[in-house]
Amino acid sequence: MNKVVIIGRLTKDPELKYTPGAGTAVTTVTLAVDRRYTKDQKKEADFIPVVIWGKSAESTAQYMRKGLLMGVSGRIQTRSYEAKEGGKRYVTEVVAEEIKFLQWGDKQSSGDDYGGYDDMVPVDDGDIPF
């Protein structure tokens, strides 16, 4: 069984892309998912990459923005690719099967809110080709 359900805040605005051959919509977002509080009550999060396909990708790009809360149900997938500078890169991500907008926004609004994670920076895994 491969099933994951997460709720988190977008770390940046989603970018909509289309596959070269079929023209299928795809959006990759990163969700900051809260961990339980530690003994010293420090707030921590995991940054989970999520890939969204089709109409859901288009809706995500249109209505979601940095800082908004989103729920995702899907599966974990791992893959590898050759990096531009050489070497093999490995990626683990959630492939969304169902999404839920828990907060709504539009592209005109400014989204500088990380939901309390001002001092946290998501890890950039480099350019991931589509």
Protein backbone atom coordinates (compact mmCIF):
# COMPACT_ATOMS: atom_id res chain seq x y z
CA MET A 1 0.00 0.00 0.00
CA ASN A 2 1.35 3.43 -0.96
CA LYS A 3 -0.89 6.22 0.38
CA VAL A 4 -0.02 9.56 1.95
CA VAL A 5 -2.19 12.42 3.24
CA ILE A 6 -0.57 15.75 4.15
CA ILE A 7 -1.69 19.27 4.99
CA GLY A 8 0.71 22.16 4.66
CA ARG A 9 1.39 25.67 3.40
CA LEU A 10 2.84 26.45 -0.02
CA THR A 11 6.42 27.73 0.23
CA LYS A 12 6.15 29.70 -3.03
CA ASP A 13 3.63 30.45 -5.77
CA PRO A 14 2.88 27.43 -8.00
CA GLU A 15 4.21 27.48 -11.56
CA LEU A 16 2.12 25.83 -14.24
CA LYS A 17 3.97 23.96 -17.02
CA TYR A 18 2.87 21.69 -19.85
CA THR A 19 4.54 18.47 -21.01
CA PRO A 20 6.18 18.80 -24.45
CA GLY A 21 4.42 15.93 -26.23
CA ALA A 22 0.85 15.69 -24.98
CA GLY A 23 0.59 19.18 -23.50
CA THR A 24 -0.59 17.85 -20.13
CA ALA A 25 -0.65 20.42 -17.33
CA VAL A 26 1.75 19.83 -14.41
CA THR A 27 2.50 21.90 -11.32
CA THR A 28 5.14 21.16 -8.71
CA VAL A 29 4.74 22.76 -5.29
CA THR A 30 6.48 22.34 -1.97
CA LEU A 31 4.35 22.11 1.18
CA ALA A 32 5.67 23.07 4.61
CA VAL A 33 4.07 20.38 6.79
CA ASP A 34 4.05 20.96 10.56
CA ARG A 35 5.70 18.48 12.89
CA ARG A 36 4.52 17.95 16.43
CA TYR A 37 6.04 20.40 18.87
CA THR A 38 9.33 19.33 20.41
CA LYS A 39 10.00 19.25 24.16
CA ASP A 40 11.19 22.87 24.08
CA GLN A 41 8.05 23.90 22.11
CA LYS A 42 10.04 24.79 19.01
CA LYS A 43 7.99 24.91 15.81
CA GLU A 44 9.38 22.62 13.06
CA ALA A 45 8.27 21.56 9.59
CA ASP A 46 9.15 19.20 6.79
CA PHE A 47 9.24 20.51 3.22
CA ILE A 48 7.52 17.99 0.95
CA PRO A 49 7.61 18.29 -2.87
CA VAL A 50 4.24 17.54 -4.50
CA VAL A 51 3.53 16.96 -8.21
CA ILE A 52 0.00 17.76 -9.43
CA TRP A 53 -1.26 16.78 -12.90
CA GLY A 54 -4.11 17.79 -15.24
CA LYS A 55 -7.02 20.05 -14.26
CA SER A 56 -5.93 19.97 -10.63
CA ALA A 57 -2.56 21.47 -11.68
CA GLU A 58 -4.33 24.29 -13.53
CA SER A 59 -6.63 25.01 -10.58
CA THR A 60 -3.70 25.01 -8.15
CA ALA A 61 -1.77 27.51 -10.30
CA GLN A 62 -4.86 29.72 -10.63
CA TYR A 63 -6.14 29.78 -7.03
CA MET A 64 -3.23 28.98 -4.73
CA ARG A 65 -0.27 31.12 -3.72
CA LYS A 66 2.60 31.18 -1.27
CA GLY A 67 1.52 30.77 2.35
CA LEU A 68 -1.93 29.27 1.71
CA LEU A 69 -3.00 25.99 3.33
CA MET A 70 -3.58 22.97 1.09
CA GLY A 71 -4.39 19.30 1.66
CA VAL A 72 -3.04 16.54 -0.60
CA SER A 73 -3.82 12.85 -0.85
CA GLY A 74 -1.63 10.74 -3.09
CA ARG A 75 1.30 8.36 -3.33
CA ILE A 76 5.03 8.60 -2.71
CA GLN A 77 7.19 8.18 -5.79
CA THR A 78 10.96 8.05 -6.23
CA ARG A 79 12.81 8.67 -9.47
CA SER A 80 16.28 9.57 -10.69
CA TYR A 81 17.75 11.68 -13.47
CA GLU A 82 21.11 12.86 -14.78
CA ALA A 83 22.03 16.34 -13.52
CA LYS A 84 23.30 19.00 -15.94
CA GLU A 85 26.66 19.12 -14.17
CA GLY A 86 26.90 15.33 -14.21
CA GLY A 87 26.00 12.73 -11.66
CA LYS A 88 22.77 11.02 -10.85
CA ARG A 89 20.12 12.81 -8.76
CA TYR A 90 17.42 11.04 -6.77
CA VAL A 91 14.05 12.62 -6.03
CA THR A 92 11.32 11.52 -3.63
CA GLU A 93 7.99 13.32 -4.03
CA VAL A 94 4.26 12.98 -3.49
CA VAL A 95 2.19 12.51 -6.65
CA ALA A 96 -1.21 14.06 -5.89
CA GLU A 97 -4.32 12.04 -6.59
CA GLU A 98 -6.67 14.42 -4.77
CA ILE A 99 -6.17 18.00 -3.59
CA LYS A 100 -8.17 20.25 -1.31
CA PHE A 101 -7.77 24.02 -1.05
CA LEU A 102 -8.08 24.77 2.66
CA GLN A 103 -7.49 28.48 2.06
CA TRP A 104 -8.21 30.38 -1.12
CA GLY A 105 -6.39 33.22 -2.81
CA ASP A 106 -5.82 34.87 -6.13
CA LYS A 107 -2.69 35.83 -8.03
CA GLN A 108 -3.13 39.55 -7.28
CA SER A 109 -2.69 39.08 -3.52
CA SER A 110 0.75 39.15 -1.93
CA GLY A 111 1.67 35.92 -0.16
CA ASP A 112 4.64 36.58 2.10
CA ASP A 113 3.29 34.44 4.97
CA TYR A 114 5.01 31.12 5.68
CA GLY A 115 2.58 30.44 8.53
CA GLY A 116 5.13 31.16 11.26
CA TYR A 117 8.22 29.71 9.57
CA ASP A 118 10.05 32.98 8.93
CA ASP A 119 13.45 31.51 9.81
CA MET A 120 13.05 28.29 7.75
CA VAL A 121 14.18 27.98 4.15
CA PRO A 122 13.16 25.05 1.92
CA VAL A 123 15.99 22.98 0.48
CA ASP A 124 16.46 23.43 -3.26
CA ASP A 125 17.23 20.08 -4.89
CA GLY A 126 18.32 21.75 -8.12
CA ASP A 127 16.61 21.74 -11.46
CA ILE A 128 14.23 18.82 -11.77
CA PRO A 129 13.45 18.18 -15.45
CA PHE A 130 9.95 17.42 -16.68
